[in-house]
Structure formats: structure tokens, C-alpha cells
Amino acid sequence: MIDQFPSLKIQYDKFMTVYNLVKDEYEEPINVDHH
């Protein structure tokens, strides 16, 4: 579905990049089980 919307995929990729950076930086013990 995402492949039909290139711009949406780009935004999604950017979001995931930022999300992963933030997750790695600020991961707390409470959130470890929620991937």
C-alpha cells in the first residue's frame, strides 16, 4: 500500500529514522518490552 504513495513512503522513512534515533537515545526500562 505504501508503495503506491512515494511521498508518503519518504515521510514514513524519515519518521522511522527519527523514531529509531529517539528510541535509542531515550529508551527507558519501562519501554523496553514495547517494541
Protein backbone atom coordinates (compact mmCIF):
# COMPACT_ATOMS: atom_id res chain seq x y z
CA MET A 1 0.00 0.00 0.00
CA ILE A 2 2.77 2.42 0.91
CA ASP A 3 4.48 1.72 -2.40
CA GLN A 4 1.59 3.45 -4.16
CA PHE A 5 2.44 6.71 -2.42
CA PRO A 6 6.15 7.55 -2.84
CA SER A 7 5.89 10.81 -0.90
CA LEU A 8 4.17 9.02 1.97
CA LYS A 9 6.90 6.39 1.97
CA ILE A 10 9.56 9.11 2.16
CA GLN A 11 7.81 10.72 5.11
CA TYR A 12 7.45 7.32 6.73
CA ASP A 13 11.15 6.54 6.24
CA LYS A 14 12.10 9.90 7.75
CA PHE A 15 9.77 9.31 10.67
CA MET A 16 11.20 5.86 11.33
CA THR A 17 14.75 7.22 11.19
CA VAL A 18 13.96 9.89 13.76
CA TYR A 19 11.90 7.48 15.84
CA ASN A 20 14.72 4.95 16.00
CA LEU A 21 17.22 7.64 16.96
CA VAL A 22 14.98 8.94 19.72
CA LYS A 23 14.12 5.45 20.90
CA ASP A 24 17.78 4.52 21.17
CA GLU A 25 18.65 7.77 22.93
CA TYR A 26 15.81 7.83 25.42
CA GLU A 27 14.86 4.21 25.90
CA GLU A 28 13.70 3.61 29.46
CA PRO A 29 13.36 0.29 31.32
CA ILE A 30 9.58 0.67 31.30
CA ASN A 31 9.55 0.86 27.50
CA VAL A 32 11.94 -1.99 26.79
CA ASP A 33 9.15 -4.53 26.40
CA HIS A 34 7.22 -2.37 23.94
CA HIS A 35 8.92 -2.63 20.55
